Amino acid sequence: MSAPGGIAGGGGGACSLGIAGIGVLGPGLAGWQAAMPVLAGEAPFEAAPFTPPPPALLPATERRRTGPSVRLALAVAAEAVAASGLPPEELDTIFASSNGEPQVIVSILDALHAPDGAISPTQFHNSVHNAAAGYWGIAVGSARPSASLGGHDFAFATGLMQAGAQVAARGRPVLCVAHDVPMPEPLDALRPMQGAFAVALVLTPRPGPHGSLDLRFAPEAVAEEPPLPPPLAALRAGNPAARSLPLLAALAARRPARLRLALLEDAALDIAVAP
């Protein structure tokens, strides 16, 4: 992936981004303001269980159709955009998820094993990987470009790299969201995960109130991340979206940091954080 003056292969030029808004939701991290002292090491982390809230921005009919992963994504997206002060309908969007909406996938697989094999149309349209992006467009009335990405364990870094390239190429703010929930039985035996987690960043072409990031593609896969307290480290290891925690910790502590997050295909994303 490359962009003029932005992220390029082979250790190319850096892409500089501002952060205008942040949203986060996970066990013991109920929103960015509540999570900041925990991530900065100023308050203890208590992994309290939570349920992703119904998306208030959606009409009631659409709201009832959403699953846990979509609700999680929309909650952090709404928080980040509200903090940014930017019109949500004018933002390009990137949604990244390793598993999408796994409860729907299991439900469809169960239906295929039933005698009639009938699949609900509602279930089918919720099974696609861009379901969260579609619901966000409906919720805010947006027709702006949107991309939905996978990336297996590296979904957050993949989404952030795509968002950075897009900001650099188009000079427009981008809402970047990473979200994942655990697989239900029996798929959890093949893809074990710990806890639900989502993060959203509103990225801009100029420095923002939450600081700035310089991103650079690196062809080496070695990751360089600062240590986290054991409970946060377990969450980071157990959920692909939670691999954003070292970055969020640096932003919460308002300290400069250099990170290297692994990508697919033996590559990495270098991140320089400026508070």
Protein backbone atom coordinates (compact mmCIF):
# COMPACT_ATOMS: atom_id res chain seq x y z
CA MET A 1 0.00 0.00 0.00
CA SER A 2 1.31 3.45 -0.78
CA ALA A 3 0.17 7.03 -0.89
CA PRO A 4 1.78 10.27 -2.05
CA GLY A 5 3.92 11.46 0.83
CA GLY A 6 2.45 8.71 2.99
CA ILE A 7 2.92 5.06 3.86
CA ALA A 8 5.07 3.20 1.38
CA GLY A 9 6.65 -0.23 1.08
CA GLY A 10 10.29 -0.90 1.86
CA GLY A 11 10.43 1.52 4.79
CA GLY A 12 9.13 4.51 2.77
CA GLY A 13 8.08 7.96 3.93
CA ALA A 14 6.08 8.39 7.09
CA CYS A 15 2.43 9.39 7.19
CA SER A 16 1.62 12.04 9.82
CA LEU A 17 -1.85 12.04 11.37
CA GLY A 18 -3.68 13.95 14.06
CA ILE A 19 -6.08 12.34 16.54
CA ALA A 20 -9.28 14.33 16.96
CA GLY A 21 -11.33 11.80 18.95
CA ILE A 22 -10.97 8.45 20.71
CA GLY A 23 -13.51 5.81 21.74
CA VAL A 24 -12.86 2.60 23.64
CA LEU A 25 -15.00 -0.11 25.20
CA GLY A 26 -13.91 -3.33 26.86
CA PRO A 27 -13.97 -5.15 30.18
CA GLY A 28 -13.13 -2.52 32.81
CA LEU A 29 -12.71 0.19 30.14
CA ALA A 30 -16.07 1.91 29.84
CA GLY A 31 -15.27 4.78 27.49
CA TRP A 32 -12.15 6.85 26.88
CA GLN A 33 -12.51 9.25 29.81
CA ALA A 34 -13.01 6.39 32.29
CA ALA A 35 -10.24 4.33 30.69
CA MET A 36 -7.56 7.04 30.63
CA PRO A 37 -6.40 6.77 34.29
CA VAL A 38 -6.37 2.97 34.03
CA LEU A 39 -4.35 2.94 30.83
CA ALA A 40 -1.99 5.61 32.17
CA GLY A 41 -1.27 3.48 35.25
CA GLU A 42 -2.94 5.93 37.62
CA ALA A 43 -5.82 3.62 38.61
CA PRO A 44 -6.10 -0.18 38.95
CA PHE A 45 -7.58 -2.23 36.15
CA GLU A 46 -10.66 -4.22 37.12
CA ALA A 47 -11.98 -6.39 34.30
CA ALA A 48 -15.67 -5.81 34.96
CA PRO A 49 -18.04 -7.62 32.55
CA PHE A 50 -20.13 -5.48 30.23
CA THR A 51 -22.75 -5.79 27.51
CA PRO A 52 -22.39 -3.75 24.29
CA PRO A 53 -25.16 -1.13 24.40
CA PRO A 54 -27.92 -0.98 21.77
CA PRO A 55 -26.99 1.70 19.19
CA ALA A 56 -29.24 4.64 20.02
CA LEU A 57 -28.47 6.28 16.65
CA LEU A 58 -30.28 3.53 14.74
CA PRO A 59 -34.05 3.31 14.16
CA ALA A 60 -35.70 0.79 16.47
CA THR A 61 -36.17 -1.82 13.73
CA GLU A 62 -32.52 -1.77 12.71
CA ARG A 63 -31.38 -1.59 16.34
CA ARG A 64 -33.04 -4.92 17.13
CA ARG A 65 -31.21 -6.62 14.25
CA THR A 66 -27.70 -5.73 15.40
CA GLY A 67 -25.42 -8.26 17.06
CA PRO A 68 -22.80 -7.76 19.80
CA SER A 69 -19.88 -6.98 17.49
CA VAL A 70 -21.81 -4.36 15.51
CA ARG A 71 -23.11 -2.77 18.72
CA LEU A 72 -19.59 -2.63 20.08
CA ALA A 73 -18.29 -0.98 16.91
CA LEU A 74 -21.04 1.62 16.78
CA ALA A 75 -20.61 2.50 20.47
CA VAL A 76 -16.92 3.40 20.15
CA ALA A 77 -17.46 5.09 16.78
CA ALA A 78 -20.13 7.34 18.27
CA GLU A 79 -17.88 8.20 21.23
CA ALA A 80 -14.87 9.08 19.08
CA VAL A 81 -16.86 11.17 16.60
CA ALA A 82 -18.69 13.06 19.37
CA ALA A 83 -15.33 13.90 20.96
CA SER A 84 -13.93 15.10 17.63
CA GLY A 85 -16.75 17.56 17.00
CA LEU A 86 -16.75 16.60 13.32
CA PRO A 87 -19.99 15.81 11.45
CA PRO A 88 -20.29 11.99 11.41
CA GLU A 89 -21.94 11.94 8.00
CA GLU A 90 -18.90 13.64 6.43
CA LEU A 91 -16.27 11.14 7.63
CA ASP A 92 -14.77 8.39 5.49
CA THR A 93 -14.64 5.17 7.52
CA ILE A 94 -12.46 2.10 8.02
CA PHE A 95 -13.89 -0.83 10.01
CA ALA A 96 -11.48 -3.64 10.91
CA SER A 97 -12.44 -6.91 12.58
CA SER A 98 -10.84 -10.33 12.78
CA ASN A 99 -14.08 -12.28 13.22
CA GLY A 100 -16.91 -9.97 12.19
CA GLU A 101 -20.19 -11.06 13.81
CA PRO A 102 -19.41 -14.63 14.95
CA GLN A 103 -22.73 -15.29 16.69
CA VAL A 104 -24.49 -14.81 13.36
CA ILE A 105 -22.05 -17.14 11.61
CA VAL A 106 -22.70 -19.90 14.16
CA SER A 107 -26.45 -19.36 13.84
CA ILE A 108 -26.25 -19.73 10.05
CA LEU A 109 -24.14 -22.88 10.36
CA ASP A 110 -26.75 -24.32 12.75
CA ALA A 111 -29.51 -23.46 10.26
CA LEU A 112 -27.64 -25.25 7.47
CA HIS A 113 -27.66 -28.40 9.62
CA ALA A 114 -31.44 -28.19 10.10
CA PRO A 115 -33.69 -30.39 7.90
CA ASP A 116 -34.91 -27.51 5.71
CA GLY A 117 -31.58 -25.62 5.69
CA ALA A 118 -33.38 -22.26 5.55
CA ILE A 119 -31.34 -19.16 6.34
CA SER A 120 -32.95 -15.97 7.59
CA PRO A 121 -32.37 -12.99 5.24
CA THR A 122 -31.72 -10.83 8.30
CA GLN A 123 -29.11 -13.28 9.53
CA PHE A 124 -27.49 -13.36 6.10
CA HIS A 125 -27.11 -9.59 5.76
CA ASN A 126 -25.65 -9.45 9.27
CA SER A 127 -23.09 -12.13 8.39
CA VAL A 128 -21.17 -10.05 5.86
CA HIS A 129 -17.93 -8.45 7.05
CA ASN A 130 -19.10 -4.90 6.31
CA ALA A 131 -22.22 -5.14 8.50
CA ALA A 132 -20.86 -2.64 11.04
CA ALA A 133 -19.98 -0.16 8.29
CA GLY A 134 -23.45 -0.52 6.79
CA TYR A 135 -25.21 0.08 10.09
CA TRP A 136 -22.99 3.11 10.78
CA GLY A 137 -23.92 4.59 7.39
CA ILE A 138 -27.61 4.08 8.19
CA ALA A 139 -27.23 5.51 11.71
CA VAL A 140 -25.58 8.79 10.67
CA GLY A 141 -26.95 9.11 7.14
CA SER A 142 -23.53 8.82 5.53
CA ALA A 143 -22.77 8.02 1.91
CA ARG A 144 -19.00 8.59 2.33
CA PRO A 145 -16.52 5.91 1.17
CA SER A 146 -15.99 3.03 3.60
CA ALA A 147 -13.73 -0.03 3.72
CA SER A 148 -14.12 -3.14 5.87
CA LEU A 149 -10.98 -5.18 6.57
CA GLY A 150 -9.96 -8.43 8.21
CA GLY A 151 -6.35 -9.16 9.06
CA HIS A 152 -6.70 -12.09 11.49
CA ASP A 153 -4.75 -11.26 14.68
CA PHE A 154 -3.45 -8.08 13.06
CA ALA A 155 -6.79 -6.42 12.30
CA PHE A 156 -6.10 -3.23 14.30
CA ALA A 157 -2.72 -2.51 12.68
CA THR A 158 -4.18 -3.34 9.25
CA GLY A 159 -7.05 -0.91 9.75
CA LEU A 160 -4.78 1.83 11.11
CA MET A 161 -2.39 1.50 8.15
CA GLN A 162 -5.28 1.71 5.68
CA ALA A 163 -6.72 4.73 7.47
CA GLY A 164 -3.35 6.47 7.52
CA ALA A 165 -2.83 5.93 3.81
CA GLN A 166 -6.33 7.24 3.13
CA VAL A 167 -5.83 10.41 5.18
CA ALA A 168 -2.50 11.05 3.44
CA ALA A 169 -3.88 10.41 -0.05
CA ARG A 170 -7.16 12.32 0.25
CA GLY A 171 -6.40 14.93 2.91
CA ARG A 172 -9.68 14.17 4.67
CA PRO A 173 -10.49 12.95 8.21
CA VAL A 174 -11.11 9.22 8.58
CA LEU A 175 -12.92 7.30 11.32
CA CYS A 176 -10.97 4.09 12.04
CA VAL A 177 -12.71 1.38 14.12
CA ALA A 178 -11.42 -2.03 15.25
CA HIS A 179 -13.83 -4.40 17.00
CA ASP A 180 -13.96 -8.06 17.99
CA VAL A 181 -16.01 -10.31 20.25
CA PRO A 182 -15.28 -13.93 21.27
CA MET A 183 -16.46 -16.82 19.14
CA PRO A 184 -19.39 -18.82 20.56
CA GLU A 185 -19.31 -22.60 20.79
CA PRO A 186 -18.16 -24.67 18.96
CA LEU A 187 -15.95 -22.25 16.99
CA ASP A 188 -14.32 -20.95 20.17
CA ALA A 189 -12.36 -24.21 20.35
CA LEU A 190 -10.67 -23.32 17.06
CA ARG A 191 -10.43 -19.55 17.62
CA PRO A 192 -10.21 -18.86 21.37
CA MET A 193 -10.50 -15.21 22.44
CA GLN A 194 -10.79 -13.35 25.74
CA GLY A 195 -13.37 -10.63 26.19
CA ALA A 196 -14.98 -8.19 23.79
CA PHE A 197 -13.08 -5.04 22.83
CA ALA A 198 -13.37 -2.13 20.42
CA VAL A 199 -11.45 1.08 19.73
CA ALA A 200 -12.16 4.03 17.45
CA LEU A 201 -9.89 6.87 16.33
CA VAL A 202 -10.86 9.95 14.33
CA LEU A 203 -7.71 10.68 12.32
CA THR A 204 -7.07 14.02 10.63
CA PRO A 205 -4.43 15.45 8.26
CA ARG A 206 -3.26 17.92 10.96
CA PRO A 207 -2.35 17.47 14.65
CA GLY A 208 -5.41 16.99 16.87
CA PRO A 209 -6.25 17.55 20.54
CA HIS A 210 -5.15 14.00 21.43
CA GLY A 211 -1.76 14.31 19.76
CA SER A 212 -0.39 12.91 16.53
CA LEU A 213 0.96 9.71 15.00
CA ASP A 214 3.66 9.09 12.43
CA LEU A 215 3.08 5.77 10.65
CA ARG A 216 5.62 3.91 8.54
CA PHE A 217 5.36 0.51 6.88
CA ALA A 218 8.26 -1.79 7.84
CA PRO A 219 9.13 -4.98 5.96
CA GLU A 220 10.30 -6.67 9.17
CA ALA A 221 7.80 -8.54 11.31
CA VAL A 222 9.51 -7.99 14.69
CA ALA A 223 7.09 -6.27 17.06
CA GLU A 224 8.33 -3.77 19.63
CA GLU A 225 5.75 -2.96 22.27
CA PRO A 226 6.14 -1.68 25.83
CA PRO A 227 5.01 -3.99 28.64
CA LEU A 228 1.49 -3.72 30.00
CA PRO A 229 0.21 -4.70 33.47
CA PRO A 230 -0.64 -8.44 33.43
CA PRO A 231 -4.46 -8.07 33.22
CA LEU A 232 -4.20 -5.63 30.30
CA ALA A 233 -1.52 -7.78 28.68
CA ALA A 234 -3.89 -10.77 28.84
CA LEU A 235 -6.67 -8.72 27.21
CA ARG A 236 -4.27 -7.56 24.52
CA ALA A 237 -3.16 -11.12 23.79
CA GLY A 238 -6.73 -12.45 23.78
CA ASN A 239 -8.48 -10.01 21.42
CA PRO A 240 -7.16 -8.70 18.06
CA ALA A 241 -8.76 -5.25 18.53
CA ALA A 242 -7.10 -4.99 21.95
CA ARG A 243 -3.68 -4.99 20.27
CA SER A 244 -4.33 -1.25 20.21
CA LEU A 245 -3.75 -1.11 24.00
CA PRO A 246 -0.05 -0.08 23.88
CA LEU A 247 -0.99 2.85 21.64
CA LEU A 248 -3.93 3.78 23.84
CA ALA A 249 -1.72 3.59 26.94
CA ALA A 250 0.75 6.04 25.40
CA LEU A 251 -2.05 8.43 24.43
CA ALA A 252 -3.64 8.19 27.89
CA ALA A 253 -0.34 8.92 29.63
CA ARG A 254 0.37 11.77 27.19
CA ARG A 255 3.90 10.55 26.62
CA PRO A 256 5.95 10.07 23.46
CA ALA A 257 6.33 6.45 22.40
CA ARG A 258 7.58 4.31 19.56
CA LEU A 259 5.69 1.11 18.76
CA ARG A 260 5.93 -1.58 16.15
CA LEU A 261 2.76 -3.59 15.56
CA ALA A 262 2.93 -6.79 13.54
CA LEU A 263 1.06 -7.11 10.24
CA LEU A 264 0.33 -10.08 8.01
CA GLU A 265 2.97 -11.42 5.62
CA ASP A 266 6.03 -10.78 7.83
CA ALA A 267 5.63 -7.01 7.96
CA ALA A 268 4.97 -4.43 10.64
CA LEU A 269 3.63 -0.92 11.23
CA ASP A 270 5.99 1.51 12.95
CA ILE A 271 4.17 4.12 15.04
CA ALA A 272 5.68 7.24 16.59
CA VAL A 273 3.31 8.79 19.15
CA ALA A 274 3.55 12.50 19.96
CA PRO A 275 1.25 13.68 22.78
